[in-house]
């Protein structure tokens, strides 16, 4: 094995031992897949096998549903304060293992180590947040003619299916189960095919903090394992985060049930000529998520619309900041950006870079494998920035999900706004201006679910609903809206 960092090797060894050889967690027990089949997890920094995990299928999903159903009556009847105590205990346990979980994510996903430590803490923080909102799960009383009482009660669905992507493995595995649990549901968590390891190791903390069957973790590929979870008739609520293509498959397979989707983005960052160029350049680079997930983020501002009056100065400032980012092996603390998650993703990003060149965009930096002998084996894409990008080019229209930024120059605001909104996506948007009227007017005009004025995608706060318009999804997360989405409303009508 090429991996030689002592802490990384110890984390990998300990995690394998504590999961009893990378087994799944169903009903509070470590179990192998019913078929006995396994699938590979590859370290993207070295293109090497680091683990084999169970390849779950419909039989494993059925076992998880059975475990969730068995645990549901007691869990849902438990007072929300008691459920919240379990969630807070779990949050503290995740924080206590944040360095280890962060390192495991670095090994498994390619994301840099220290940002993944922060990711673990963010996932833990969502349990604290939703636990604090628990007493807001309440209904209403409705006036009735002639006397009587009519009231509503929010009630849990039962067993919930939660499917997460590869870009923030432990943050999503730990955090995205929180609102469903606080609301009284039990959960089946299906991690991404590419990055299952931290979710499985999290099973140790699940054992310690929750009654058996409240949280079940099943690994497997998307069509077989995820498809079985989505289609299961006794899983009445599905929450999915991932690509638009897979989101469509989830909608087709789910049938009549409650579904929320947090999908892709092709997010604009709009720069007016009255801004501080150094500040907006810092925001453009930070908002691309180069140093968090190699641009593999639905929130990345991959389309930068800069006014022609300051175009050259903006480009110079953006390039200066991007070139300072240290691309390296993800397990090292000095590394700021690692490889993309898989060979397939690497080939996809490279194909888009080639398309940008062929369609006439001007390559300002990157455009190839990241330099350095130690990076040769892995899926390292150099930070790539294109200028002279025109509306309609593939790199301007399609979600690349990699470290590729497109810079588009504009003069006429109406034309620019039309091009910004002419997208299948509508997740996020960023506006930089010192004119508050311009900022608010643009915020109203942009077809996006989350808009920053003089900010960027790294600045998101718990309590602020996050989600998209158009193909970017259905539903809102990280707010009371998400908590209530894990309940169904029962009306009770009483006549005197």
Protein backbone atom coordinates (compact mmCIF):
# COMPACT_ATOMS: atom_id res chain seq x y z
CA UNK A 1 0.00 0.00 0.00
CA UNK A 2 1.34 3.42 -0.97
CA UNK A 3 -0.32 5.12 2.00
CA UNK A 4 2.44 5.62 4.59
CA UNK A 5 1.24 8.29 7.04
CA UNK A 6 1.29 6.64 10.49
CA UNK A 7 -1.94 8.20 11.73
CA UNK A 8 -3.75 7.37 8.49
CA UNK A 9 -2.63 3.74 8.64
CA UNK A 10 -3.68 3.45 12.29
CA UNK A 11 -7.11 4.94 11.54
CA UNK A 12 -7.66 2.51 8.69
CA UNK A 13 -6.61 -0.46 10.85
CA UNK A 14 -8.74 0.58 13.85
CA UNK A 15 -11.81 1.26 11.72
CA UNK A 16 -11.58 -2.14 10.08
CA UNK A 17 -11.25 -3.86 13.45
CA UNK A 18 -14.12 -1.95 15.07
CA UNK A 19 -16.48 -2.64 12.17
CA UNK A 20 -15.56 -6.35 12.36
CA UNK A 21 -14.01 -6.25 8.90
CA UNK A 22 -16.18 -3.52 7.35
CA UNK A 23 -19.60 -4.95 8.11
CA UNK A 24 -22.95 -3.14 7.95
CA UNK A 25 -24.99 -2.02 10.94
CA UNK A 26 -28.54 -3.45 11.04
CA UNK A 27 -30.58 -3.72 14.21
CA UNK A 28 -27.60 -2.67 16.31
CA UNK A 29 -25.47 -5.55 15.04
CA UNK A 30 -22.58 -5.87 12.61
CA UNK A 31 -23.76 -7.98 9.69
CA UNK A 32 -22.51 -9.15 6.32
CA UNK A 33 -24.64 -8.79 3.20
CA UNK A 34 -27.18 -11.57 2.70
CA UNK A 35 -25.57 -12.45 -0.61
CA UNK A 36 -22.05 -12.48 0.82
CA UNK A 37 -20.94 -10.21 -2.02
CA UNK A 38 -18.59 -7.29 -1.44
CA UNK A 39 -17.57 -4.18 -3.34
CA UNK A 40 -14.32 -2.24 -3.47
CA UNK A 41 -13.48 1.10 -1.90
CA UNK A 42 -10.57 2.80 -3.66
CA UNK A 43 -8.17 5.40 -2.29
CA UNK A 44 -8.29 8.08 -5.02
CA UNK A 45 -4.89 9.54 -4.11
CA UNK A 46 -3.09 6.32 -5.04
CA UNK A 47 -5.65 4.43 -7.16
CA UNK A 48 -5.43 1.54 -4.71
CA UNK A 49 -7.88 -0.77 -2.97
CA UNK A 50 -8.16 0.07 0.73
CA UNK A 51 -11.24 -1.92 1.76
CA UNK A 52 -14.06 -4.16 0.63
CA UNK A 53 -17.51 -3.52 2.07
CA UNK A 54 -20.79 -5.45 1.86
CA UNK A 55 -22.66 -5.14 -1.43
CA UNK A 56 -26.16 -4.91 -0.03
CA UNK A 57 -29.29 -5.71 -2.03
CA UNK A 58 -33.05 -5.95 -1.52
CA UNK A 59 -32.71 -8.64 1.13
CA UNK A 60 -30.46 -6.41 3.24
CA UNK A 61 -32.85 -3.48 2.81
CA UNK A 62 -35.68 -5.73 3.99
CA UNK A 63 -33.68 -6.69 7.08
CA UNK A 64 -33.04 -3.00 7.80
CA UNK A 65 -36.73 -2.16 7.32
CA UNK A 66 -37.66 -4.94 9.74
CA UNK A 67 -35.18 -3.59 12.30
CA UNK A 68 -36.43 -0.03 11.85
CA UNK A 69 -40.07 -1.11 12.19
CA UNK A 70 -39.31 -3.03 15.37
CA UNK A 71 -37.57 -0.01 16.91
CA UNK A 72 -40.10 2.58 15.74
CA UNK A 73 -42.91 2.23 18.33
CA UNK A 74 -40.69 2.80 21.35
CA UNK A 75 -38.59 5.49 19.63
CA UNK A 76 -41.59 7.48 18.34
CA UNK A 77 -43.41 7.32 21.71
CA UNK A 78 -40.31 8.55 23.52
CA UNK A 79 -40.62 12.22 24.45
CA UNK A 80 -38.76 14.47 22.05
CA UNK A 81 -36.49 15.61 24.89
CA UNK A 82 -35.39 12.00 25.40
CA UNK A 83 -34.79 11.47 21.68
CA UNK A 84 -32.79 14.69 21.68
CA UNK A 85 -30.61 13.41 24.53
CA UNK A 86 -29.64 10.42 22.38
CA UNK A 87 -28.88 12.75 19.46
CA UNK A 88 -26.75 15.07 21.58
CA UNK A 89 -24.85 12.08 22.98
CA UNK A 90 -24.21 10.97 19.41
CA UNK A 91 -23.07 14.49 18.45
CA UNK A 92 -20.53 14.51 21.28
CA UNK A 93 -19.28 11.08 20.25
CA UNK A 94 -18.78 12.23 16.64
CA UNK A 95 -16.92 15.33 17.82
CA UNK A 96 -14.73 13.15 20.01
CA UNK A 97 -13.75 11.08 16.96
CA UNK A 98 -13.62 13.98 14.49
CA UNK A 99 -9.90 13.67 13.70
CA UNK A 100 -10.17 9.93 13.11
CA UNK A 101 -13.35 10.21 11.05
CA UNK A 102 -11.88 13.13 9.11
CA UNK A 103 -8.77 11.13 8.29
CA UNK A 104 -10.84 8.16 7.15
CA UNK A 105 -12.76 10.47 4.81
CA UNK A 106 -9.49 11.89 3.48
CA UNK A 107 -8.31 8.37 2.67
CA UNK A 108 -11.62 7.26 1.18
CA UNK A 109 -12.82 10.40 -0.65
CA UNK A 110 -9.66 12.34 -1.49
CA UNK A 111 -10.85 15.45 0.36
CA UNK A 112 -8.15 17.17 2.39
CA UNK A 113 -7.81 15.94 5.97
CA UNK A 114 -8.37 19.11 8.02
CA UNK A 115 -11.54 20.23 6.17
CA UNK A 116 -12.93 16.72 6.77
CA UNK A 117 -12.31 17.10 10.51
CA UNK A 118 -14.43 20.24 10.32
CA UNK A 119 -17.00 18.29 8.29
CA UNK A 120 -17.39 15.75 11.09
CA UNK A 121 -18.00 18.58 13.55
CA UNK A 122 -20.57 20.16 11.22
CA UNK A 123 -22.46 16.88 11.05
CA UNK A 124 -22.45 16.67 14.83
CA UNK A 125 -23.66 20.26 15.07
CA UNK A 126 -26.84 19.45 13.16
CA UNK A 127 -27.87 17.08 15.95
CA UNK A 128 -27.50 19.90 18.45
CA UNK A 129 -29.46 22.25 16.19
CA UNK A 130 -32.40 19.94 15.49
CA UNK A 131 -32.48 18.72 19.08
CA UNK A 132 -32.99 22.33 20.11
CA UNK A 133 -35.90 22.62 17.68
CA UNK A 134 -37.60 19.45 18.89
CA UNK A 135 -40.30 21.16 20.94
CA UNK A 136 -41.39 23.07 17.82
CA UNK A 137 -42.92 19.86 16.47
CA UNK A 138 -46.46 20.90 17.28
CA UNK A 139 -49.81 21.28 15.61
CA UNK A 140 -52.60 23.84 15.45
CA UNK A 141 -56.14 24.28 16.72
CA UNK A 142 -58.78 25.17 14.15
CA UNK A 143 -61.97 27.14 14.97
CA UNK A 144 -65.10 25.03 14.55
CA UNK A 145 -68.68 26.29 14.02
CA UNK A 146 -71.12 25.56 16.82
CA UNK A 147 -68.59 24.28 19.31
CA UNK A 148 -66.22 21.36 19.37
CA UNK A 149 -62.50 21.03 18.87
CA UNK A 150 -60.40 20.46 15.79
CA UNK A 151 -56.63 20.09 16.11
CA UNK A 152 -53.64 18.74 14.21
CA UNK A 153 -50.83 16.49 15.36
CA UNK A 154 -47.55 16.04 13.45
CA UNK A 155 -46.59 12.36 13.59
CA UNK A 156 -43.50 10.52 12.39
CA UNK A 157 -43.66 8.48 9.18
CA UNK A 158 -41.91 5.37 10.49
CA UNK A 159 -38.85 4.06 8.65
CA UNK A 160 -37.05 6.74 6.62
CA UNK A 161 -34.63 6.18 3.74
CA UNK A 162 -31.68 8.60 3.66
CA UNK A 163 -29.32 8.38 0.65
CA UNK A 164 -26.19 10.54 0.67
CA UNK A 165 -23.48 11.44 -1.89
CA UNK A 166 -19.68 11.13 -1.88
CA UNK A 167 -18.54 14.72 -1.48
CA UNK A 168 -18.99 15.16 2.31
CA UNK A 169 -19.18 11.58 3.61
CA UNK A 170 -19.11 11.87 7.40
CA UNK A 171 -20.77 15.29 7.53
CA UNK A 172 -23.76 13.96 5.60
CA UNK A 173 -23.79 10.52 7.25
CA UNK A 174 -23.83 12.02 10.74
CA UNK A 175 -25.82 15.20 10.14
CA UNK A 176 -28.51 14.32 7.63
CA UNK A 177 -30.09 11.70 9.90
CA UNK A 178 -30.66 14.26 12.67
CA UNK A 179 -34.04 15.81 11.74
CA UNK A 180 -35.61 12.45 10.94
CA UNK A 181 -34.54 11.07 14.33
CA UNK A 182 -35.63 14.10 16.35
CA UNK A 183 -39.02 13.92 14.63
CA UNK A 184 -39.42 10.33 15.86
CA UNK A 185 -38.55 8.27 12.79
CA UNK A 186 -36.09 5.42 12.47
CA UNK A 187 -33.57 5.61 9.65
CA UNK A 188 -31.92 3.49 6.99
CA UNK A 189 -28.77 5.29 5.84
CA UNK A 190 -27.36 4.38 2.43
CA UNK A 191 -23.87 5.90 1.93
CA UNK A 192 -22.37 6.64 -1.49
CA UNK A 193 -20.85 3.70 -3.35
CA UNK A 194 -17.49 5.51 -3.58
CA UNK A 195 -17.16 6.57 0.09
CA UNK A 196 -18.79 4.08 2.48
CA UNK A 197 -16.08 3.76 5.13
CA UNK A 198 -16.75 6.61 7.56
CA UNK A 199 -20.49 5.85 7.59
CA UNK A 200 -19.74 2.23 8.51
CA UNK A 201 -17.32 3.23 11.26
CA UNK A 202 -19.98 5.65 12.51
CA UNK A 203 -21.97 2.49 13.23
CA UNK A 204 -19.83 2.03 16.34
CA UNK A 205 -21.16 5.35 17.66
CA UNK A 206 -24.68 4.41 16.62
CA UNK A 207 -24.38 1.26 18.74
CA UNK A 208 -23.31 3.33 21.74
CA UNK A 209 -25.85 6.14 21.45
CA UNK A 210 -29.13 4.79 20.01
CA UNK A 211 -31.41 1.84 20.74
CA UNK A 212 -30.94 -1.06 18.28
CA UNK A 213 -32.67 -0.51 14.95
CA UNK A 214 -33.12 3.25 15.28
CA UNK A 215 -30.27 3.85 12.83
CA UNK A 216 -29.34 1.20 10.26
CA UNK A 217 -26.46 1.56 7.78
CA UNK A 218 -26.58 -0.44 4.55
CA UNK A 219 -23.89 -0.26 1.84
CA UNK A 220 -24.33 -1.22 -1.79
CA UNK A 221 -24.53 0.21 -5.28
CA UNK A 222 -27.14 2.75 -6.29
CA UNK A 223 -29.42 0.75 -8.59
CA UNK A 224 -29.46 -2.45 -6.51
CA UNK A 225 -29.28 -1.27 -2.92
CA UNK A 226 -30.47 2.33 -3.25
CA UNK A 227 -33.18 1.30 -5.69
CA UNK A 228 -34.52 -1.31 -3.27
CA UNK A 229 -34.64 1.27 -0.48
CA UNK A 230 -36.43 3.84 -2.64
CA UNK A 231 -39.02 1.36 -3.90
CA UNK A 232 -39.75 -0.40 -0.58
CA UNK A 233 -43.45 0.02 0.16
CA UNK A 234 -42.93 0.36 3.92
CA UNK A 235 -40.43 3.22 3.56
CA UNK A 236 -42.85 6.12 3.18
CA UNK A 237 -40.32 8.97 3.23
CA UNK A 238 -37.16 9.22 1.09
CA UNK A 239 -34.53 11.96 1.25
CA UNK A 240 -31.86 11.96 -1.45
CA UNK A 241 -28.82 14.15 -2.06
CA UNK A 242 -26.95 13.69 -5.34
CA UNK A 243 -27.10 14.18 -9.08
CA UNK A 244 -30.11 15.27 -11.13
CA UNK A 245 -29.96 12.06 -13.14
CA UNK A 246 -30.18 9.90 -10.03
CA UNK A 247 -32.81 12.21 -8.55
CA UNK A 248 -35.02 11.48 -11.54
CA UNK A 249 -34.51 7.75 -10.98
CA UNK A 250 -35.49 8.19 -7.33
CA UNK A 251 -38.70 9.94 -8.35
CA UNK A 252 -39.54 7.17 -10.83
CA UNK A 253 -38.85 4.40 -8.32
CA UNK A 254 -40.42 5.91 -5.22
CA UNK A 255 -44.06 5.77 -6.21
CA UNK A 256 -46.55 7.46 -3.91
CA UNK A 257 -44.47 8.63 -0.97
CA UNK A 258 -42.90 11.80 0.36
CA UNK A 259 -39.61 12.57 -1.42
CA UNK A 260 -37.12 15.40 -0.96
CA UNK A 261 -34.24 15.96 -3.38
CA UNK A 262 -31.14 18.13 -2.96
CA UNK A 263 -29.57 17.97 -6.41
CA UNK A 264 -27.08 19.75 -8.64
CA UNK A 265 -26.16 23.35 -9.31
CA UNK A 266 -24.50 25.52 -11.95
CA UNK A 267 -24.28 28.51 -9.71
CA UNK A 268 -23.46 32.06 -10.81
CA UNK A 269 -21.32 34.60 -9.00
CA UNK A 270 -22.21 38.02 -10.44
CA UNK A 271 -19.66 40.82 -10.06
CA UNK A 272 -20.58 44.49 -10.48
CA UNK A 273 -17.86 47.07 -11.16
CA UNK A 274 -18.21 48.83 -7.77
CA UNK A 275 -16.77 46.01 -5.64
CA UNK A 276 -13.51 45.48 -3.77
CA UNK A 277 -11.66 43.25 -6.24
CA UNK A 278 -9.52 41.47 -3.64
CA UNK A 279 -12.59 40.59 -1.57
CA UNK A 280 -14.60 39.32 -4.52
CA UNK A 281 -11.65 37.29 -5.81
CA UNK A 282 -11.31 35.65 -2.39
CA UNK A 283 -15.04 34.87 -2.42
CA UNK A 284 -14.91 33.44 -5.96
CA UNK A 285 -12.09 31.06 -5.05
CA UNK A 286 -13.55 30.10 -1.66
CA UNK A 287 -17.02 29.60 -3.15
CA UNK A 288 -15.67 27.17 -5.75
CA UNK A 289 -14.86 24.77 -2.88
CA UNK A 290 -11.43 23.93 -4.30
CA UNK A 291 -10.13 23.34 -0.77
CA UNK A 292 -13.12 21.46 0.61
CA UNK A 293 -14.14 19.02 -2.10
CA UNK A 294 -12.09 19.82 -5.24
CA UNK A 295 -15.08 21.67 -6.67
CA UNK A 296 -17.25 18.56 -6.21
CA UNK A 297 -20.03 20.54 -4.59
CA UNK A 298 -23.53 21.43 -5.72
CA UNK A 299 -23.00 24.88 -4.18
CA UNK A 300 -19.84 25.82 -6.10
CA UNK A 301 -19.95 29.13 -8.00
CA UNK A 302 -18.65 27.60 -11.21
CA UNK A 303 -19.93 30.45 -13.42
CA UNK A 304 -18.34 33.81 -12.64
CA UNK A 305 -20.04 36.72 -14.45
CA UNK A 306 -17.66 39.69 -14.16
CA UNK A 307 -18.34 43.19 -15.50
CA UNK A 308 -16.02 44.06 -18.39
CA UNK A 309 -14.79 47.25 -16.65
CA UNK A 310 -12.94 45.20 -14.00
CA UNK A 311 -12.57 41.90 -15.85
CA UNK A 312 -8.79 41.90 -16.22
CA UNK A 313 -8.13 42.93 -12.63
CA UNK A 314 -10.61 40.35 -11.34
CA UNK A 315 -9.05 37.58 -13.38
CA UNK A 316 -5.58 38.53 -12.15
CA UNK A 317 -6.74 38.49 -8.52
CA UNK A 318 -8.60 35.17 -8.89
CA UNK A 319 -5.61 33.50 -10.54
CA UNK A 320 -3.24 34.78 -7.86
CA UNK A 321 -5.36 33.22 -5.13
CA UNK A 322 -6.05 29.97 -6.97
CA UNK A 323 -2.34 29.42 -7.67
CA UNK A 324 -1.55 29.56 -3.94
CA UNK A 325 -3.68 26.49 -3.18
CA UNK A 326 -1.51 23.54 -2.21
CA UNK A 327 -2.56 20.40 -4.10
CA UNK A 328 -1.23 17.30 -2.38
CA UNK A 329 -1.86 13.97 -0.74
CA UNK A 330 -5.12 14.32 1.23
CA UNK A 331 -3.87 12.66 4.42
CA UNK A 332 -1.25 15.40 4.99
CA UNK A 333 -2.19 18.43 7.12
CA UNK A 334 -0.46 20.85 4.73
CA UNK A 335 -2.66 19.74 1.82
CA UNK A 336 -5.47 22.09 0.84
CA UNK A 337 -6.83 20.21 -2.18
CA UNK A 338 -6.74 16.51 -3.01
CA UNK A 339 -7.89 14.29 -5.88
CA UNK A 340 -11.41 13.89 -7.22
CA UNK A 341 -13.23 10.88 -5.87
CA UNK A 342 -12.82 8.25 -8.60
CA UNK A 343 -11.35 7.38 -11.98
CA UNK A 344 -14.79 7.84 -13.49
CA UNK A 345 -15.06 11.35 -12.03
CA UNK A 346 -11.53 12.19 -13.17
CA UNK A 347 -12.34 11.14 -16.73
CA UNK A 348 -15.59 13.12 -16.64
CA UNK A 349 -13.87 16.32 -15.51
CA UNK A 350 -11.09 15.91 -18.07
CA UNK A 351 -13.68 15.44 -20.83
CA UNK A 352 -15.31 18.74 -19.87
CA UNK A 353 -11.93 20.49 -19.90
CA UNK A 354 -11.33 19.15 -23.41
CA UNK A 355 -14.80 20.34 -24.44
CA UNK A 356 -14.02 23.83 -23.14
CA UNK A 357 -10.84 23.98 -25.20
CA UNK A 358 -12.57 22.67 -28.31
CA UNK A 359 -15.45 25.15 -28.02
CA UNK A 360 -13.08 28.11 -27.92
CA UNK A 361 -12.78 29.07 -24.26
CA UNK A 362 -9.38 30.46 -23.25
CA UNK A 363 -7.55 28.30 -20.72
CA UNK A 364 -5.97 30.51 -18.05
CA UNK A 365 -4.56 27.83 -15.77
CA UNK A 366 -4.68 24.09 -15.18
CA UNK A 367 -6.40 21.93 -17.72
CA UNK A 368 -4.39 18.80 -16.97
CA UNK A 369 -3.36 16.35 -14.27
CA UNK A 370 -1.97 18.21 -11.26
CA UNK A 371 1.86 18.33 -11.32
CA UNK A 372 4.12 16.45 -8.91
CA UNK A 373 5.60 12.96 -8.91
CA UNK A 374 3.79 12.04 -5.69
CA UNK A 375 0.43 12.79 -7.34
CA UNK A 376 1.01 10.75 -10.48
CA UNK A 377 -0.92 7.66 -9.39
CA UNK A 378 -4.05 9.42 -8.18
CA UNK A 379 -7.02 11.26 -9.67
CA UNK A 380 -5.59 14.77 -9.23
CA UNK A 381 -7.05 17.44 -11.52
CA UNK A 382 -5.20 20.76 -11.52
CA UNK A 383 -7.24 23.86 -10.69
CA UNK A 384 -8.67 24.89 -14.04
CA UNK A 385 -9.98 28.35 -14.92
CA UNK A 386 -11.38 29.33 -18.33
CA UNK A 387 -11.92 32.84 -19.66
CA UNK A 388 -13.85 33.98 -22.75
CA UNK A 389 -16.58 31.49 -21.95
CA UNK A 390 -19.75 32.09 -23.93
CA UNK A 391 -23.31 31.28 -22.97
CA UNK A 392 -24.26 27.89 -24.35
CA UNK A 393 -20.85 26.24 -24.07
CA UNK A 394 -20.99 22.88 -22.28
CA UNK A 395 -18.67 24.09 -19.51
CA UNK A 396 -21.08 26.99 -18.95
CA UNK A 397 -24.32 24.98 -19.01
CA UNK A 398 -23.57 21.56 -17.52
CA UNK A 399 -22.55 20.67 -13.98
CA UNK A 400 -18.94 19.47 -14.10
CA UNK A 401 -18.55 18.67 -10.39
CA UNK A 402 -14.84 19.30 -10.35
CA UNK A 403 -12.25 22.10 -9.97
CA UNK A 404 -13.25 23.98 -13.13
CA UNK A 405 -14.34 27.64 -13.12
CA UNK A 406 -15.76 29.53 -16.10
CA UNK A 407 -15.40 33.32 -16.33
CA UNK A 408 -17.98 35.16 -18.45
CA UNK A 409 -17.69 38.86 -19.20
CA UNK A 410 -20.79 41.11 -19.26
CA UNK A 411 -21.79 44.71 -19.98
CA UNK A 412 -25.58 44.74 -20.28
CA UNK A 413 -27.36 43.73 -17.07
CA UNK A 414 -30.53 42.49 -18.77
CA UNK A 415 -28.58 40.18 -21.09
CA UNK A 416 -26.45 38.93 -18.23
CA UNK A 417 -29.51 38.16 -16.10
CA UNK A 418 -31.14 36.31 -18.97
CA UNK A 419 -28.02 34.13 -19.39
CA UNK A 420 -27.73 33.53 -15.66
CA UNK A 421 -31.33 32.33 -15.42
CA UNK A 422 -31.20 30.34 -18.67
CA UNK A 423 -30.19 27.17 -16.84
CA UNK A 424 -31.84 23.92 -15.86
CA UNK A 425 -30.42 24.48 -12.37
CA UNK A 426 -31.47 26.93 -9.69
CA UNK A 427 -29.69 26.07 -6.47
CA UNK A 428 -27.55 29.05 -5.45
CA UNK A 429 -26.50 32.47 -6.71
CA UNK A 430 -24.05 35.13 -5.54
CA UNK A 431 -24.22 38.88 -6.18
CA UNK A 432 -21.35 41.25 -5.42
CA UNK A 433 -22.13 44.95 -5.36
CA UNK A 434 -21.90 47.89 -2.97
CA UNK A 435 -25.31 49.17 -4.13
CA UNK A 436 -27.91 47.64 -1.84
CA UNK A 437 -30.73 48.43 -4.27
CA UNK A 438 -28.93 46.54 -7.05
CA UNK A 439 -28.26 43.61 -4.74
CA UNK A 440 -31.87 43.30 -3.57
CA UNK A 441 -33.26 43.78 -7.06
CA UNK A 442 -31.02 41.02 -8.40
CA UNK A 443 -31.87 38.74 -5.48
CA UNK A 444 -35.54 39.03 -6.43
CA UNK A 445 -34.79 38.38 -10.12
CA UNK A 446 -32.49 35.37 -9.79
CA UNK A 447 -34.04 31.93 -10.24
CA UNK A 448 -32.27 30.28 -7.31
CA UNK A 449 -33.28 28.94 -3.93
CA UNK A 450 -30.41 30.50 -1.95
CA UNK A 451 -28.86 33.87 -2.75
CA UNK A 452 -25.84 35.53 -1.18
CA UNK A 453 -25.23 39.26 -1.50
CA UNK A 454 -21.51 39.91 -0.98
CA UNK A 455 -20.97 36.37 0.29
CA UNK A 456 -20.23 32.91 -1.05
CA UNK A 457 -21.21 29.27 -0.70
CA UNK A 458 -19.06 28.68 2.37
CA UNK A 459 -21.29 31.00 4.38
CA UNK A 460 -24.37 28.96 5.24
CA UNK A 461 -26.06 29.08 8.60
CA UNK A 462 -28.16 26.57 10.49
CA UNK A 463 -31.75 27.69 10.47
CA UNK A 464 -31.59 29.23 6.98
CA UNK A 465 -33.50 26.93 4.59
CA UNK A 466 -31.27 25.50 1.86
CA UNK A 467 -32.59 24.04 -1.39
CA UNK A 468 -33.10 24.80 -5.04
CA UNK A 469 -35.47 25.79 -7.81
CA UNK A 470 -36.00 23.89 -11.07
CA UNK A 471 -33.84 20.75 -11.48
CA UNK A 472 -31.87 21.57 -8.35
CA UNK A 473 -34.38 19.83 -6.16
CA UNK A 474 -37.48 19.62 -4.00
CA UNK A 475 -37.70 20.66 -0.37
CA UNK A 476 -35.50 22.59 2.07
CA UNK A 477 -32.84 21.48 4.54
CA UNK A 478 -31.06 22.79 7.66
CA UNK A 479 -34.15 24.55 8.98
CA UNK A 480 -37.43 23.92 10.77
CA UNK A 481 -38.89 23.21 7.31
CA UNK A 482 -36.72 20.10 7.12
CA UNK A 483 -37.64 18.96 10.63
CA UNK A 484 -41.35 19.22 9.88
CA UNK A 485 -40.89 17.46 6.53
CA UNK A 486 -40.19 14.28 8.49
CA UNK A 487 -43.69 14.39 9.96
CA UNK A 488 -47.14 13.84 8.47
CA UNK A 489 -50.11 15.82 9.70
CA UNK A 490 -53.05 14.09 11.39
CA UNK A 491 -56.24 16.09 11.95
CA UNK A 492 -58.49 15.24 14.92
CA UNK A 493 -62.08 16.57 14.98
CA UNK A 494 -64.10 16.36 18.20
CA UNK A 495 -67.78 17.21 18.54
CA UNK A 496 -69.11 18.14 21.98
